[in-house]
Amino acid sequence: MIYEFHPEAEAEFLESVGFYESRVKGLGEAFVDEFEFTINRVCDVPKQHQIECEPDIRRASLQRFPFALIYREKQSKVQVLAVAHNRRRPQYWLGRYG
């Protein structure tokens, strides 16, 4: 299965990469690697992660960084709705899947 970003989720992802890279050289790349590892797990078995919002929005946490991928299956793809920081603005992404 392949994935696609919601446009706002892609912006969040790129912003996070830039933030980490500005802190420590190479940390942005580490964030990208962690994202790719997690999204590949999601694409392999999308239903393995817990439901965040009924009926079909799920959450997959990154291991090294305080972020989670908020996603759903949509037309044989995984749609990433948010790359959400675990401690900021809970469920701000709710309007992205309507």
Protein backbone atom coordinates (compact mmCIF):
# COMPACT_ATOMS: atom_id res chain seq x y z
CA MET A 1 0.00 0.00 0.00
CA ILE A 2 1.19 3.53 -0.69
CA TYR A 3 0.57 6.73 1.27
CA GLU A 4 -0.28 10.31 0.53
CA PHE A 5 -0.21 13.43 2.67
CA HIS A 6 -3.11 15.71 3.34
CA PRO A 7 -1.60 19.09 2.27
CA GLU A 8 -1.56 20.42 5.84
CA ALA A 9 0.06 17.22 7.12
CA GLU A 10 2.83 17.55 4.55
CA ALA A 11 3.45 21.12 5.71
CA GLU A 12 3.62 19.91 9.35
CA PHE A 13 6.07 17.19 8.37
CA LEU A 14 8.37 19.59 6.51
CA GLU A 15 8.19 22.13 9.33
CA SER A 16 9.19 19.47 11.86
CA VAL A 17 12.10 18.31 9.70
CA GLY A 18 13.31 21.91 9.43
CA PHE A 19 12.93 22.50 13.16
CA TYR A 20 14.97 19.45 14.14
CA GLU A 21 17.63 20.12 11.51
CA SER A 22 17.99 23.69 12.78
CA ARG A 23 18.62 22.35 16.30
CA VAL A 24 21.23 19.74 15.47
CA LYS A 25 22.71 18.94 12.07
CA GLY A 26 21.43 15.50 11.03
CA LEU A 27 18.48 15.44 13.44
CA GLY A 28 16.07 16.43 10.67
CA GLU A 29 17.27 13.46 8.65
CA ALA A 30 16.76 11.24 11.71
CA PHE A 31 13.18 12.52 11.94
CA VAL A 32 12.64 11.66 8.25
CA ASP A 33 14.05 8.17 8.83
CA GLU A 34 11.76 7.63 11.82
CA PHE A 35 8.77 8.87 9.85
CA GLU A 36 9.58 6.53 6.96
CA PHE A 37 10.01 3.56 9.29
CA THR A 38 6.64 4.27 10.91
CA ILE A 39 4.72 4.96 7.69
CA ASN A 40 6.11 1.76 6.15
CA ARG A 41 4.78 -0.20 9.16
CA VAL A 42 1.43 1.54 8.73
CA CYS A 43 1.30 0.78 5.00
CA ASP A 44 2.12 -2.88 5.63
CA VAL A 45 -0.71 -3.36 8.15
CA PRO A 46 -2.87 -0.22 8.41
CA LYS A 47 -5.38 -1.68 10.86
CA GLN A 48 -2.77 -2.64 13.46
CA HIS A 49 -2.79 0.76 15.17
CA GLN A 50 -5.36 2.05 17.62
CA ILE A 51 -8.38 4.02 16.51
CA GLU A 52 -8.05 7.66 17.47
CA CYS A 53 -11.42 8.84 16.17
CA GLU A 54 -14.34 6.69 15.03
CA PRO A 55 -14.94 5.24 12.60
CA ASP A 56 -11.56 4.90 10.86
CA ILE A 57 -8.94 7.47 11.95
CA ARG A 58 -5.90 5.79 13.49
CA ARG A 59 -2.75 6.87 15.33
CA ALA A 60 0.78 5.48 14.96
CA SER A 61 3.42 6.88 17.29
CA LEU A 62 7.00 7.57 16.31
CA GLN A 63 9.44 5.95 18.71
CA ARG A 64 12.24 8.51 19.00
CA PHE A 65 10.31 11.74 18.55
CA PRO A 66 7.18 13.01 20.38
CA PHE A 67 4.98 12.78 17.28
CA ALA A 68 2.27 10.55 15.92
CA LEU A 69 0.94 9.95 12.44
CA ILE A 70 -2.79 10.41 12.24
CA TYR A 71 -4.09 8.51 9.25
CA ARG A 72 -6.87 6.57 7.59
CA GLU A 73 -7.20 4.13 4.73
CA LYS A 74 -8.74 5.79 1.72
CA GLN A 75 -9.20 4.15 -1.68
CA SER A 76 -6.37 1.61 -1.32
CA LYS A 77 -4.00 4.26 0.11
CA VAL A 78 -3.01 5.45 3.54
CA GLN A 79 -3.86 9.13 3.86
CA VAL A 80 -1.73 10.93 6.46
CA LEU A 81 -4.03 13.54 7.99
CA ALA A 82 -1.55 14.96 10.49
CA VAL A 83 2.00 14.68 11.76
CA ALA A 84 0.94 15.68 15.26
CA HIS A 85 3.08 16.57 18.26
CA ASN A 86 1.95 14.47 21.20
CA ARG A 87 1.64 17.39 23.61
CA ARG A 88 0.21 20.18 21.48
CA ARG A 89 -3.34 20.97 20.38
CA PRO A 90 -5.10 17.61 20.73
CA GLN A 91 -7.26 16.65 17.76
CA TYR A 92 -6.73 19.95 15.93
CA TRP A 93 -6.78 17.92 12.71
CA LEU A 94 -10.42 16.81 13.05
CA GLY A 95 -11.61 18.95 10.13
CA ARG A 96 -9.20 17.34 7.67
CA TYR A 97 -11.08 14.17 6.90
CA GLY A 98 -14.59 15.36 6.13
